[in-house]
Amino acid sequence: MRMLVVDDDPTVRGIVIDLLNLSGHTALDVSNGAQALALLKAEEFDAVLLDHSMPEITGVEVLRRLRATGNDVRVGFITGARGHPEIEQLRRQAVPVIFKPFGWTEFKAFLERLEAPEQDR
């Protein structure tokens, strides 16, 4: 899968890119929601991994704007916002979520949920 990683923390982006590459995926990364929206308008991706808490445009706002334009790309959240109401709502809607810090086993399970057909999530 071709994936876009969106996180304002360069260390997290680097780790996630490395894990995606180890899993056989191709990945690009950007540091904020505005860059993500611009790139998603110009290029196609199979999935987007969003950080919840970013300055200016949050991950949830990126998701809202994507859906408003009809973009139905698969989306997962990588976040430290455990217990945040928006994250809990996403989890109830079967959006894959993984909490920082995470290990390899957790990340693989997260990817499996993200890769699964929507009816199986």
PDB file of N, CA and C in Angstrom:
ATOM      1  N   MET A   1       0.839  -1.184   0.000  1.00  0.00           N
ATOM      2  CA  MET A   1       0.000   0.000   0.000  1.00  0.00           C
ATOM      3  C   MET A   1       0.886   1.250   0.000  1.00  0.00           C
ATOM      4  N   ARG A   2       0.381   2.284  -0.601  1.00  0.00           N
ATOM      5  CA  ARG A   2       1.056   3.589  -0.580  1.00  0.00           C
ATOM      6  C   ARG A   2       0.390   4.430   0.510  1.00  0.00           C
ATOM      7  N   MET A   3       1.193   4.848   1.488  1.00  0.00           N
ATOM      8  CA  MET A   3       0.627   5.516   2.656  1.00  0.00           C
ATOM      9  C   MET A   3       1.241   6.890   2.868  1.00  0.00           C
ATOM     10  N   LEU A   4       0.440   7.757   3.463  1.00  0.00           N
ATOM     11  CA  LEU A   4       0.884   9.089   3.848  1.00  0.00           C
ATOM     12  C   LEU A   4       0.860   9.169   5.367  1.00  0.00           C
ATOM     13  N   VAL A   5       1.978   9.558   5.958  1.00  0.00           N
ATOM     14  CA  VAL A   5       2.100   9.712   7.404  1.00  0.00           C
ATOM     15  C   VAL A   5       2.096  11.204   7.716  1.00  0.00           C
ATOM     16  N   VAL A   6       1.184  11.619   8.609  1.00  0.00           N
ATOM     17  CA  VAL A   6       1.038  13.033   8.947  1.00  0.00           C
ATOM     18  C   VAL A   6       1.193  13.183  10.455  1.00  0.00           C
ATOM     19  N   ASP A   7       2.308  13.782  10.865  1.00  0.00           N
ATOM     20  CA  ASP A   7       2.579  13.977  12.292  1.00  0.00           C
ATOM     21  C   ASP A   7       3.541  15.140  12.430  1.00  0.00           C
ATOM     22  N   ASP A   8       3.314  15.997  13.416  1.00  0.00           N
ATOM     23  CA  ASP A   8       4.193  17.154  13.606  1.00  0.00           C
ATOM     24  C   ASP A   8       5.495  16.792  14.314  1.00  0.00           C
ATOM     25  N   ASP A   9       5.617  15.569  14.811  1.00  0.00           N
ATOM     26  CA  ASP A   9       6.831  15.122  15.486  1.00  0.00           C
ATOM     27  C   ASP A   9       7.699  14.345  14.491  1.00  0.00           C
ATOM     28  N   PRO A  10       8.872  14.907  14.131  1.00  0.00           N
ATOM     29  CA  PRO A  10       9.712  14.227  13.134  1.00  0.00           C
ATOM     30  C   PRO A  10      10.209  12.858  13.589  1.00  0.00           C
ATOM     31  N   THR A  11      10.392  12.653  14.876  1.00  0.00           N
ATOM     32  CA  THR A  11      10.837  11.351  15.374  1.00  0.00           C
ATOM     33  C   THR A  11       9.764  10.300  15.138  1.00  0.00           C
ATOM     34  N   VAL A  12       8.527  10.639  15.458  1.00  0.00           N
ATOM     35  CA  VAL A  12       7.418   9.702  15.238  1.00  0.00           C
ATOM     36  C   VAL A  12       7.276   9.402  13.756  1.00  0.00           C
ATOM     37  N   ARG A  13       7.343  10.431  12.912  1.00  0.00           N
ATOM     38  CA  ARG A  13       7.237  10.208  11.467  1.00  0.00           C
ATOM     39  C   ARG A  13       8.309   9.237  10.987  1.00  0.00           C
ATOM     40  N   GLY A  14       9.534   9.432  11.447  1.00  0.00           N
ATOM     41  CA  GLY A  14      10.625   8.557  11.028  1.00  0.00           C
ATOM     42  C   GLY A  14      10.417   7.118  11.450  1.00  0.00           C
ATOM     43  N   ILE A  15       9.975   6.921  12.676  1.00  0.00           N
ATOM     44  CA  ILE A  15       9.723   5.559  13.177  1.00  0.00           C
ATOM     45  C   ILE A  15       8.615   4.896  12.381  1.00  0.00           C
ATOM     46  N   VAL A  16       7.527   5.625  12.152  1.00  0.00           N
ATOM     47  CA  VAL A  16       6.393   5.049  11.423  1.00  0.00           C
ATOM     48  C   VAL A  16       6.789   4.731   9.985  1.00  0.00           C
ATOM     49  N   ILE A  17       7.535   5.620   9.338  1.00  0.00           N
ATOM     50  CA  ILE A  17       8.002   5.355   7.970  1.00  0.00           C
ATOM     51  C   ILE A  17       8.852   4.082   7.952  1.00  0.00           C
ATOM     52  N   ASP A  18       9.777   3.951   8.902  1.00  0.00           N
ATOM     53  CA  ASP A  18      10.618   2.750   8.965  1.00  0.00           C
ATOM     54  C   ASP A  18       9.776   1.488   9.147  1.00  0.00           C
ATOM     55  N   LEU A  19       8.788   1.541  10.047  1.00  0.00           N
ATOM     56  CA  LEU A  19       7.936   0.370  10.282  1.00  0.00           C
ATOM     57  C   LEU A  19       7.095   0.026   9.053  1.00  0.00           C
ATOM     58  N   LEU A  20       6.609   1.051   8.365  1.00  0.00           N
ATOM     59  CA  LEU A  20       5.838   0.801   7.144  1.00  0.00           C
ATOM     60  C   LEU A  20       6.720   0.177   6.064  1.00  0.00           C
ATOM     61  N   ASN A  21       7.928   0.690   5.912  1.00  0.00           N
ATOM     62  CA  ASN A  21       8.854   0.121   4.928  1.00  0.00           C
ATOM     63  C   ASN A  21       9.178  -1.332   5.265  1.00  0.00           C
ATOM     64  N   LEU A  22       9.401  -1.625   6.552  1.00  0.00           N
ATOM     65  CA  LEU A  22       9.657  -3.008   6.972  1.00  0.00           C
ATOM     66  C   LEU A  22       8.470  -3.914   6.680  1.00  0.00           C
ATOM     67  N   SER A  23       7.284  -3.343   6.674  1.00  0.00           N
ATOM     68  CA  SER A  23       6.059  -4.105   6.413  1.00  0.00           C
ATOM     69  C   SER A  23       5.753  -4.232   4.925  1.00  0.00           C
ATOM     70  N   GLY A  24       6.632  -3.662   4.085  1.00  0.00           N
ATOM     71  CA  GLY A  24       6.444  -3.787   2.644  1.00  0.00           C
ATOM     72  C   GLY A  24       5.631  -2.684   2.010  1.00  0.00           C
ATOM     73  N   HIS A  25       5.362  -1.630   2.737  1.00  0.00           N
ATOM     74  CA  HIS A  25       4.588  -0.516   2.205  1.00  0.00           C
ATOM     75  C   HIS A  25       5.509   0.599   1.730  1.00  0.00           C
ATOM     76  N   THR A  26       4.960   1.461   0.898  1.00  0.00           N
ATOM     77  CA  THR A  26       5.643   2.672   0.463  1.00  0.00           C
ATOM     78  C   THR A  26       5.005   3.823   1.220  1.00  0.00           C
ATOM     79  N   ALA A  27       5.817   4.735   1.732  1.00  0.00           N
ATOM     80  CA  ALA A  27       5.244   5.809   2.537  1.00  0.00           C
ATOM     81  C   ALA A  27       5.945   7.134   2.282  1.00  0.00           C
ATOM     82  N   LEU A  28       5.159   8.182   2.324  1.00  0.00           N
ATOM     83  CA  LEU A  28       5.634   9.561   2.319  1.00  0.00           C
ATOM     84  C   LEU A  28       5.189  10.179   3.628  1.00  0.00           C
ATOM     85  N   ASP A  29       5.840  11.278   4.013  1.00  0.00           N
ATOM     86  CA  ASP A  29       5.418  11.923   5.254  1.00  0.00           C
ATOM     87  C   ASP A  29       5.409  13.433   5.100  1.00  0.00           C
ATOM     88  N   VAL A  30       4.520  14.047   5.871  1.00  0.00           N
ATOM     89  CA  VAL A  30       4.426  15.503   5.976  1.00  0.00           C
ATOM     90  C   VAL A  30       4.219  15.846   7.442  1.00  0.00           C
ATOM     91  N   SER A  31       4.482  17.121   7.774  1.00  0.00           N
ATOM     92  CA  SER A  31       4.479  17.514   9.185  1.00  0.00           C
ATOM     93  C   SER A  31       3.219  18.235   9.652  1.00  0.00           C
ATOM     94  N   ASN A  32       2.258  18.466   8.758  1.00  0.00           N
ATOM     95  CA  ASN A  32       1.050  19.156   9.225  1.00  0.00           C
ATOM     96  C   ASN A  32      -0.149  18.868   8.320  1.00  0.00           C
ATOM     97  N   GLY A  33      -1.302  19.250   8.819  1.00  0.00           N
ATOM     98  CA  GLY A  33      -2.547  18.970   8.112  1.00  0.00           C
ATOM     99  C   GLY A  33      -2.672  19.685   6.784  1.00  0.00           C
ATOM    100  N   ALA A  34      -2.201  20.921   6.698  1.00  0.00           N
ATOM    101  CA  ALA A  34      -2.290  21.669   5.441  1.00  0.00           C
ATOM    102  C   ALA A  34      -1.480  20.981   4.350  1.00  0.00           C
ATOM    103  N   GLN A  35      -0.271  20.540   4.683  1.00  0.00           N
ATOM    104  CA  GLN A  35       0.553  19.818   3.707  1.00  0.00           C
ATOM    105  C   GLN A  35      -0.141  18.524   3.287  1.00  0.00           C
ATOM    106  N   ALA A  36      -0.742  17.844   4.239  1.00  0.00           N
ATOM    107  CA  ALA A  36      -1.436  16.585   3.939  1.00  0.00           C
ATOM    108  C   ALA A  36      -2.581  16.820   2.964  1.00  0.00           C
ATOM    109  N   LEU A  37      -3.398  17.822   3.238  1.00  0.00           N
ATOM    110  CA  LEU A  37      -4.539  18.091   2.369  1.00  0.00           C
ATOM    111  C   LEU A  37      -4.087  18.451   0.957  1.00  0.00           C
ATOM    112  N   ALA A  38      -3.026  19.252   0.841  1.00  0.00           N
ATOM    113  CA  ALA A  38      -2.507  19.617  -0.480  1.00  0.00           C
ATOM    114  C   ALA A  38      -1.992  18.391  -1.224  1.00  0.00           C
ATOM    115  N   LEU A  39      -1.251  17.533  -0.533  1.00  0.00           N
ATOM    116  CA  LEU A  39      -0.701  16.337  -1.169  1.00  0.00           C
ATOM    117  C   LEU A  39      -1.814  15.362  -1.559  1.00  0.00           C
ATOM    118  N   LEU A  40      -2.815  15.232  -0.703  1.00  0.00           N
ATOM    119  CA  LEU A  40      -3.929  14.326  -0.996  1.00  0.00           C
ATOM    120  C   LEU A  40      -4.783  14.828  -2.154  1.00  0.00           C
ATOM    121  N   LYS A  41      -4.734  16.107  -2.415  1.00  0.00           N
ATOM    122  CA  LYS A  41      -5.443  16.665  -3.565  1.00  0.00           C
ATOM    123  C   LYS A  41      -4.677  16.364  -4.860  1.00  0.00           C
ATOM    124  N   ALA A  42      -3.347  16.300  -4.754  1.00  0.00           N
ATOM    125  CA  ALA A  42      -2.500  16.124  -5.929  1.00  0.00           C
ATOM    126  C   ALA A  42      -2.160  14.666  -6.245  1.00  0.00           C
ATOM    127  N   GLU A  43      -2.132  13.812  -5.211  1.00  0.00           N
ATOM    128  CA  GLU A  43      -1.698  12.428  -5.392  1.00  0.00           C
ATOM    129  C   GLU A  43      -2.672  11.466  -4.733  1.00  0.00           C
ATOM    130  N   GLU A  44      -2.603  10.213  -5.176  1.00  0.00           N
ATOM    131  CA  GLU A  44      -3.446   9.175  -4.582  1.00  0.00           C
ATOM    132  C   GLU A  44      -2.643   8.342  -3.593  1.00  0.00           C
ATOM    133  N   PHE A  45      -3.302   8.003  -2.489  1.00  0.00           N
ATOM    134  CA  PHE A  45      -2.731   7.142  -1.467  1.00  0.00           C
ATOM    135  C   PHE A  45      -3.762   6.083  -1.124  1.00  0.00           C
ATOM    136  N   ASP A  46      -3.269   4.938  -0.663  1.00  0.00           N
ATOM    137  CA  ASP A  46      -4.170   3.878  -0.220  1.00  0.00           C
ATOM    138  C   ASP A  46      -4.638   4.102   1.204  1.00  0.00           C
ATOM    139  N   ALA A  47      -3.817   4.811   1.996  1.00  0.00           N
ATOM    140  CA  ALA A  47      -4.164   5.061   3.396  1.00  0.00           C
ATOM    141  C   ALA A  47      -3.405   6.287   3.906  1.00  0.00           C
ATOM    142  N   VAL A  48      -3.996   6.903   4.928  1.00  0.00           N
ATOM    143  CA  VAL A  48      -3.391   8.060   5.591  1.00  0.00           C
ATOM    144  C   VAL A  48      -3.335   7.760   7.080  1.00  0.00           C
ATOM    145  N   LEU A  49      -2.159   7.951   7.677  1.00  0.00           N
ATOM    146  CA  LEU A  49      -1.985   7.785   9.112  1.00  0.00           C
ATOM    147  C   LEU A  49      -1.854   9.179   9.701  1.00  0.00           C
ATOM    148  N   LEU A  50      -2.822   9.563  10.508  1.00  0.00           N
ATOM    149  CA  LEU A  50      -2.908  10.917  11.037  1.00  0.00           C
ATOM    150  C   LEU A  50      -2.625  10.977  12.528  1.00  0.00           C
ATOM    151  N   ASP A  51      -1.871  11.988  12.922  1.00  0.00           N
ATOM    152  CA  ASP A  51      -1.752  12.332  14.332  1.00  0.00           C
ATOM    153  C   ASP A  51      -2.993  13.131  14.697  1.00  0.00           C
ATOM    154  N   HIS A  52      -3.526  12.921  15.865  1.00  0.00           N
ATOM    155  CA  HIS A  52      -4.704  13.658  16.302  1.00  0.00           C
ATOM    156  C   HIS A  52      -4.376  15.106  16.623  1.00  0.00           C
ATOM    157  N   SER A  53      -3.366  15.324  17.423  1.00  0.00           N
ATOM    158  CA  SER A  53      -3.067  16.656  17.956  1.00  0.00           C
ATOM    159  C   SER A  53      -1.920  17.309  17.200  1.00  0.00           C
ATOM    160  N   MET A  54      -2.295  18.142  16.221  1.00  0.00           N
ATOM    161  CA  MET A  54      -1.310  18.913  15.471  1.00  0.00           C
ATOM    162  C   MET A  54      -1.728  20.371  15.510  1.00  0.00           C
ATOM    163  N   PRO A  55      -0.767  21.280  15.460  1.00  0.00           N
ATOM    164  CA  PRO A  55      -1.119  22.703  15.442  1.00  0.00           C
ATOM    165  C   PRO A  55      -1.912  23.063  14.186  1.00  0.00           C
ATOM    166  N   GLU A  56      -2.757  24.031  14.304  1.00  0.00           N
ATOM    167  CA  GLU A  56      -3.547  24.616  13.216  1.00  0.00           C
ATOM    168  C   GLU A  56      -4.639  23.694  12.695  1.00  0.00           C
ATOM    169  N   ILE A  57      -4.290  22.583  12.055  1.00  0.00           N
ATOM    170  CA  ILE A  57      -5.299  21.657  11.530  1.00  0.00           C
ATOM    171  C   ILE A  57      -5.074  20.295  12.182  1.00  0.00           C
ATOM    172  N   THR A  58      -6.003  19.879  13.016  1.00  0.00           N
ATOM    173  CA  THR A  58      -5.873  18.592  13.699  1.00  0.00           C
ATOM    174  C   THR A  58      -6.117  17.440  12.725  1.00  0.00           C
ATOM    175  N   GLY A  59      -5.745  16.257  13.140  1.00  0.00           N
ATOM    176  CA  GLY A  59      -5.997  15.084  12.326  1.00  0.00           C
ATOM    177  C   GLY A  59      -7.481  14.857  12.070  1.00  0.00           C
ATOM    178  N   VAL A  60      -8.313  15.113  13.066  1.00  0.00           N
ATOM    179  CA  VAL A  60      -9.759  14.944  12.895  1.00  0.00           C
ATOM    180  C   VAL A  60     -10.288  15.941  11.870  1.00  0.00           C
ATOM    181  N   GLU A  61      -9.749  17.149  11.863  1.00  0.00           N
ATOM    182  CA  GLU A  61     -10.163  18.150  10.876  1.00  0.00           C
ATOM    183  C   GLU A  61      -9.705  17.741   9.478  1.00  0.00           C
ATOM    184  N   VAL A  62      -8.510  17.173   9.359  1.00  0.00           N
ATOM    185  CA  VAL A  62      -8.055  16.655   8.057  1.00  0.00           C
ATOM    186  C   VAL A  62      -9.046  15.598   7.563  1.00  0.00           C
ATOM    187  N   LEU A  63      -9.412  14.676   8.431  1.00  0.00           N
ATOM    188  CA  LEU A  63     -10.372  13.633   8.064  1.00  0.00           C
ATOM    189  C   LEU A  63     -11.706  14.245   7.643  1.00  0.00           C
ATOM    190  N   ARG A  64     -12.200  15.199   8.411  1.00  0.00           N
ATOM    191  CA  ARG A  64     -13.477  15.849   8.076  1.00  0.00           C
ATOM    192  C   ARG A  64     -13.417  16.498   6.687  1.00  0.00           C
ATOM    193  N   ARG A  65     -12.327  17.202   6.413  1.00  0.00           N
ATOM    194  CA  ARG A  65     -12.184  17.877   5.108  1.00  0.00           C
ATOM    195  C   ARG A  65     -12.054  16.872   3.964  1.00  0.00           C
ATOM    196  N   LEU A  66     -11.348  15.784   4.206  1.00  0.00           N
ATOM    197  CA  LEU A  66     -11.243  14.748   3.173  1.00  0.00           C
ATOM    198  C   LEU A  66     -12.620  14.202   2.814  1.00  0.00           C
ATOM    199  N   ARG A  67     -13.377  13.844   3.833  1.00  0.00           N
ATOM    200  CA  ARG A  67     -14.703  13.262   3.586  1.00  0.00           C
ATOM    201  C   ARG A  67     -15.646  14.275   2.940  1.00  0.00           C
ATOM    202  N   ALA A  68     -15.498  15.557   3.287  1.00  0.00           N
ATOM    203  CA  ALA A  68     -16.344  16.598   2.700  1.00  0.00           C
ATOM    204  C   ALA A  68     -16.100  16.737   1.194  1.00  0.00           C
ATOM    205  N   THR A  69     -14.899  16.396   0.737  1.00  0.00           N
ATOM    206  CA  THR A  69     -14.585  16.469  -0.695  1.00  0.00           C
ATOM    207  C   THR A  69     -14.852  15.147  -1.404  1.00  0.00           C
ATOM    208  N   GLY A  70     -15.334  14.155  -0.672  1.00  0.00           N
ATOM    209  CA  GLY A  70     -15.629  12.860  -1.269  1.00  0.00           C
ATOM    210  C   GLY A  70     -14.448  11.901  -1.298  1.00  0.00           C
ATOM    211  N   ASN A  71     -13.327  12.284  -0.696  1.00  0.00           N
ATOM    212  CA  ASN A  71     -12.158  11.411  -0.648  1.00  0.00           C
ATOM    213  C   ASN A  71     -12.400  10.347   0.419  1.00  0.00           C
ATOM    214  N   ASP A  72     -12.442   9.082  -0.011  1.00  0.00           N
ATOM    215  CA  ASP A  72     -12.729   7.988   0.924  1.00  0.00           C
ATOM    216  C   ASP A  72     -11.491   7.135   1.224  1.00  0.00           C
ATOM    217  N   VAL A  73     -10.307   7.759   1.145  1.00  0.00           N
ATOM    218  CA  VAL A  73      -9.067   7.060   1.461  1.00  0.00           C
ATOM    219  C   VAL A  73      -9.164   6.451   2.865  1.00  0.00           C
ATOM    220  N   ARG A  74      -8.536   5.305   3.052  1.00  0.00           N
ATOM    221  CA  ARG A  74      -8.503   4.684   4.377  1.00  0.00           C
ATOM    222  C   ARG A  74      -7.717   5.589   5.326  1.00  0.00           C
ATOM    223  N   VAL A  75      -8.195   5.699   6.568  1.00  0.00           N
ATOM    224  CA  VAL A  75      -7.555   6.575   7.547  1.00  0.00           C
ATOM    225  C   VAL A  75      -7.389   5.835   8.860  1.00  0.00           C
ATOM    226  N   GLY A  76      -6.216   5.995   9.453  1.00  0.00           N
ATOM    227  CA  GLY A  76      -5.945   5.496  10.793  1.00  0.00           C
ATOM    228  C   GLY A  76      -5.305   6.614  11.594  1.00  0.00           C
ATOM    229  N   PHE A  77      -5.435   6.544  12.910  1.00  0.00           N
ATOM    230  CA  PHE A  77      -4.869   7.569  13.786  1.00  0.00           C
ATOM    231  C   PHE A  77      -3.774   6.989  14.657  1.00  0.00           C
ATOM    232  N   ILE A  78      -2.655   7.706  14.708  1.00  0.00           N
ATOM    233  CA  ILE A  78      -1.546   7.406  15.611  1.00  0.00           C
ATOM    234  C   ILE A  78      -1.504   8.580  16.572  1.00  0.00           C
ATOM    235  N   THR A  79      -1.803   8.330  17.846  1.00  0.00           N
ATOM    236  CA  THR A  79      -2.019   9.452  18.756  1.00  0.00           C
ATOM    237  C   THR A  79      -1.599   9.131  20.184  1.00  0.00           C
ATOM    238  N   GLY A  80      -1.341  10.161  20.916  1.00  0.00           N
ATOM    239  CA  GLY A  80      -1.104  10.037  22.351  1.00  0.00           C
ATOM    240  C   GLY A  80      -2.320  10.498  23.135  1.00  0.00           C
ATOM    241  N   ALA A  81      -3.411  10.817  22.438  1.00  0.00           N
ATOM    242  CA  ALA A  81      -4.606  11.403  23.056  1.00  0.00           C
ATOM    243  C   ALA A  81      -5.552  10.332  23.582  1.00  0.00           C
ATOM    244  N   ARG A  82      -5.036   9.424  24.385  1.00  0.00           N
ATOM    245  CA  ARG A  82      -5.858   8.357  24.969  1.00  0.00           C
ATOM    246  C   ARG A  82      -6.996   8.971  25.789  1.00  0.00           C
ATOM    247  N   GLY A  83      -8.203   8.514  25.543  1.00  0.00           N
ATOM    248  CA  GLY A  83      -9.359   8.994  26.283  1.00  0.00           C
ATOM    249  C   GLY A  83      -9.975  10.272  25.741  1.00  0.00           C
ATOM    250  N   HIS A  84      -9.376  10.896  24.729  1.00  0.00           N
ATOM    251  CA  HIS A  84      -9.925  12.124  24.156  1.00  0.00           C
ATOM    252  C   HIS A  84     -11.271  11.799  23.497  1.00  0.00           C
ATOM    253  N   PRO A  85     -12.307  12.622  23.699  1.00  0.00           N
ATOM    254  CA  PRO A  85     -13.631  12.316  23.145  1.00  0.00           C
ATOM    255  C   PRO A  85     -13.641  12.092  21.631  1.00  0.00           C
ATOM    256  N   GLU A  86     -12.857  12.859  20.883  1.00  0.00           N
ATOM    257  CA  GLU A  86     -12.829  12.667  19.429  1.00  0.00           C
ATOM    258  C   GLU A  86     -12.246  11.305  19.066  1.00  0.00           C
ATOM    259  N   ILE A  87     -11.220  10.900  19.769  1.00  0.00           N
ATOM    260  CA  ILE A  87     -10.600   9.604  19.496  1.00  0.00           C
ATOM    261  C   ILE A  87     -11.561   8.477  19.863  1.00  0.00           C
ATOM    262  N   GLU A  88     -12.232   8.613  20.984  1.00  0.00           N
ATOM    263  CA  GLU A  88     -13.203   7.586  21.380  1.00  0.00           C
ATOM    264  C   GLU A  88     -14.332   7.477  20.362  1.00  0.00           C
ATOM    265  N   GLN A  89     -14.765   8.597  19.802  1.00  0.00           N
ATOM    266  CA  GLN A  89     -15.804   8.576  18.774  1.00  0.00           C
ATOM    267  C   GLN A  89     -15.289   7.870  17.515  1.00  0.00           C
ATOM    268  N   LEU A  90     -14.057   8.144  17.121  1.00  0.00           N
ATOM    269  CA  LEU A  90     -13.475   7.473  15.964  1.00  0.00           C
ATOM    270  C   LEU A  90     -13.410   5.964  16.184  1.00  0.00           C
ATOM    271  N   ARG A  91     -13.009   5.561  17.381  1.00  0.00           N
ATOM    272  CA  ARG A  91     -12.934   4.126  17.688  1.00  0.00           C
ATOM    273  C   ARG A  91     -14.310   3.473  17.593  1.00  0.00           C
ATOM    274  N   ARG A  92     -15.340   4.172  18.051  1.00  0.00           N
ATOM    275  CA  ARG A  92     -16.714   3.639  17.939  1.00  0.00           C
ATOM    276  C   ARG A  92     -17.139   3.512  16.477  1.00  0.00           C
ATOM    277  N   GLN A  93     -16.554   4.345  15.616  1.00  0.00           N
ATOM    278  CA  GLN A  93     -16.861   4.296  14.182  1.00  0.00           C
ATOM    279  C   GLN A  93     -15.944   3.324  13.443  1.00  0.00           C
ATOM    280  N   ALA A  94     -15.180   2.532  14.179  1.00  0.00           N
ATOM    281  CA  ALA A  94     -14.286   1.495  13.644  1.00  0.00           C
ATOM    282  C   ALA A  94     -13.101   2.064  12.861  1.00  0.00           C
ATOM    283  N   VAL A  95     -12.698   3.293  13.175  1.00  0.00           N
ATOM    284  CA  VAL A  95     -11.481   3.850  12.587  1.00  0.00           C
ATOM    285  C   VAL A  95     -10.304   3.273  13.372  1.00  0.00           C
ATOM    286  N   PRO A  96      -9.328   2.688  12.682  1.00  0.00           N
ATOM    287  CA  PRO A  96      -8.164   2.143  13.392  1.00  0.00           C
ATOM    288  C   PRO A  96      -7.402   3.240  14.151  1.00  0.00           C
ATOM    289  N   VAL A  97      -7.092   2.961  15.411  1.00  0.00           N
ATOM    290  CA  VAL A  97      -6.366   3.908  16.272  1.00  0.00           C
ATOM    291  C   VAL A  97      -5.281   3.136  17.007  1.00  0.00           C
ATOM    292  N   ILE A  98      -4.079   3.726  17.070  1.00  0.00           N
ATOM    293  CA  ILE A  98      -3.000   3.182  17.884  1.00  0.00           C
ATOM    294  C   ILE A  98      -2.473   4.311  18.758  1.00  0.00           C
ATOM    295  N   PHE A  99      -2.166   3.974  20.008  1.00  0.00           N
ATOM    296  CA  PHE A  99      -1.715   4.990  20.964  1.00  0.00           C
ATOM    297  C   PHE A  99      -0.203   4.953  21.131  1.00  0.00           C
ATOM    298  N   LYS A 100       0.383   6.148  21.140  1.00  0.00           N
ATOM    299  CA  LYS A 100       1.818   6.314  21.413  1.00  0.00           C
ATOM    300  C   LYS A 100       2.031   6.173  22.908  1.00  0.00           C
ATOM    301  N   PRO A 101       3.114   5.607  23.347  1.00  0.00           N
ATOM    302  CA  PRO A 101       4.090   4.845  22.571  1.00  0.00           C
ATOM    303  C   PRO A 101       3.540   3.462  22.261  1.00  0.00           C
ATOM    304  N   PHE A 102       4.009   2.881  21.181  1.00  0.00           N
ATOM    305  CA  PHE A 102       3.536   1.562  20.770  1.00  0.00           C
ATOM    306  C   PHE A 102       4.729   0.704  20.381  1.00  0.00           C
ATOM    307  N   GLY A 103       4.516  -0.589  20.391  1.00  0.00           N
ATOM    308  CA  GLY A 103       5.539  -1.545  19.997  1.00  0.00           C
ATOM    309  C   GLY A 103       5.226  -2.150  18.642  1.00  0.00           C
ATOM    310  N   TRP A 104       6.139  -2.990  18.177  1.00  0.00           N
ATOM    311  CA  TRP A 104       5.997  -3.616  16.867  1.00  0.00           C
ATOM    312  C   TRP A 104       4.725  -4.448  16.764  1.00  0.00           C
ATOM    313  N   THR A 105       4.413  -5.235  17.779  1.00  0.00           N
ATOM    314  CA  THR A 105       3.222  -6.090  17.740  1.00  0.00           C
ATOM    315  C   THR A 105       1.951  -5.251  17.633  1.00  0.00           C
ATOM    316  N   GLU A 106       1.882  -4.185  18.410  1.00  0.00           N
ATOM    317  CA  GLU A 106       0.715  -3.288  18.339  1.00  0.00           C
ATOM    318  C   GLU A 106       0.614  -2.652  16.957  1.00  0.00           C
ATOM    319  N   PHE A 107       1.757  -2.238  16.419  1.00  0.00           N
ATOM    320  CA  PHE A 107       1.744  -1.583  15.112  1.00  0.00           C
ATOM    321  C   PHE A 107       1.288  -2.548  14.023  1.00  0.00           C
ATOM    322  N   LYS A 108       1.746  -3.794  14.078  1.00  0.00           N
ATOM    323  CA  LYS A 108       1.313  -4.783  13.083  1.00  0.00           C
ATOM    324  C   LYS A 108      -0.197  -5.003  13.153  1.00  0.00           C
ATOM    325  N   ALA A 109      -0.753  -5.076  14.361  1.00  0.00           N
ATOM    326  CA  ALA A 109      -2.200  -5.253  14.513  1.00  0.00           C
ATOM    327  C   ALA A 109      -2.954  -4.035  13.962  1.00  0.00           C
ATOM    328  N   PHE A 110      -2.413  -2.855  14.225  1.00  0.00           N
ATOM    329  CA  PHE A 110      -2.996  -1.619  13.700  1.00  0.00           C
ATOM    330  C   PHE A 110      -3.006  -1.653  12.166  1.00  0.00           C
ATOM    331  N   LEU A 111      -1.893  -2.039  11.566  1.00  0.00           N
ATOM    332  CA  LEU A 111      -1.810  -2.124  10.103  1.00  0.00           C
ATOM    333  C   LEU A 111      -2.795  -3.139   9.542  1.00  0.00           C
ATOM    334  N   GLU A 112      -2.932  -4.274  10.213  1.00  0.00           N
ATOM    335  CA  GLU A 112      -3.882  -5.286   9.749  1.00  0.00           C
ATOM    336  C   GLU A 112      -5.298  -4.731   9.725  1.00  0.00           C
ATOM    337  N   ARG A 113      -5.658  -3.954  10.738  1.00  0.00           N
ATOM    338  CA  ARG A 113      -6.991  -3.329  10.743  1.00  0.00           C
ATOM    339  C   ARG A 113      -7.115  -2.318   9.618  1.00  0.00           C
ATOM    340  N   LEU A 114      -6.058  -1.557   9.382  1.00  0.00           N
ATOM    341  CA  LEU A 114      -6.080  -0.538   8.337  1.00  0.00           C
ATOM    342  C   LEU A 114      -6.156  -1.181   6.946  1.00  0.00           C
ATOM    343  N   GLU A 115      -5.475  -2.305   6.774  1.00  0.00           N
ATOM    344  CA  GLU A 115      -5.440  -2.996   5.483  1.00  0.00           C
ATOM    345  C   GLU A 115      -6.716  -3.792   5.199  1.00  0.00           C
ATOM    346  N   ALA A 116      -7.458  -4.143   6.227  1.00  0.00           N
ATOM    347  CA  ALA A 116      -8.640  -4.993   6.071  1.00  0.00           C
ATOM    348  C   ALA A 116      -9.716  -4.268   5.269  1.00  0.00           C
ATOM    349  N   PRO A 117     -10.480  -5.027   4.502  1.00  0.00           N
ATOM    350  CA  PRO A 117     -11.630  -4.422   3.829  1.00  0.00           C
ATOM    351  C   PRO A 117     -12.545  -3.763   4.853  1.00  0.00           C
ATOM    352  N   GLU A 118     -13.190  -2.669   4.461  1.00  0.00           N
ATOM    353  CA  GLU A 118     -13.961  -1.875   5.418  1.00  0.00           C
ATOM    354  C   GLU A 118     -15.000  -2.694   6.187  1.00  0.00           C
ATOM    355  N   GLN A 119     -15.649  -3.652   5.522  1.00  0.00           N
ATOM    356  CA  GLN A 119     -16.674  -4.436   6.209  1.00  0.00           C
ATOM    357  C   GLN A 119     -16.085  -5.337   7.287  1.00  0.00           C
ATOM    358  N   ASP A 120     -14.758  -5.587   7.262  1.00  0.00           N
ATOM    359  CA  ASP A 120     -14.126  -6.442   8.255  1.00  0.00           C
ATOM    360  C   ASP A 120     -13.520  -5.671   9.416  1.00  0.00           C
ATOM    361  N   ARG A 121     -13.522  -4.346   9.360  1.00  0.00           N
ATOM    362  CA  ARG A 121     -12.892  -3.549  10.420  1.00  0.00           C
ATOM    363  C   ARG A 121     -13.740  -3.465  11.646  1.00  0.00           C
TER     364      ARG A 121
END
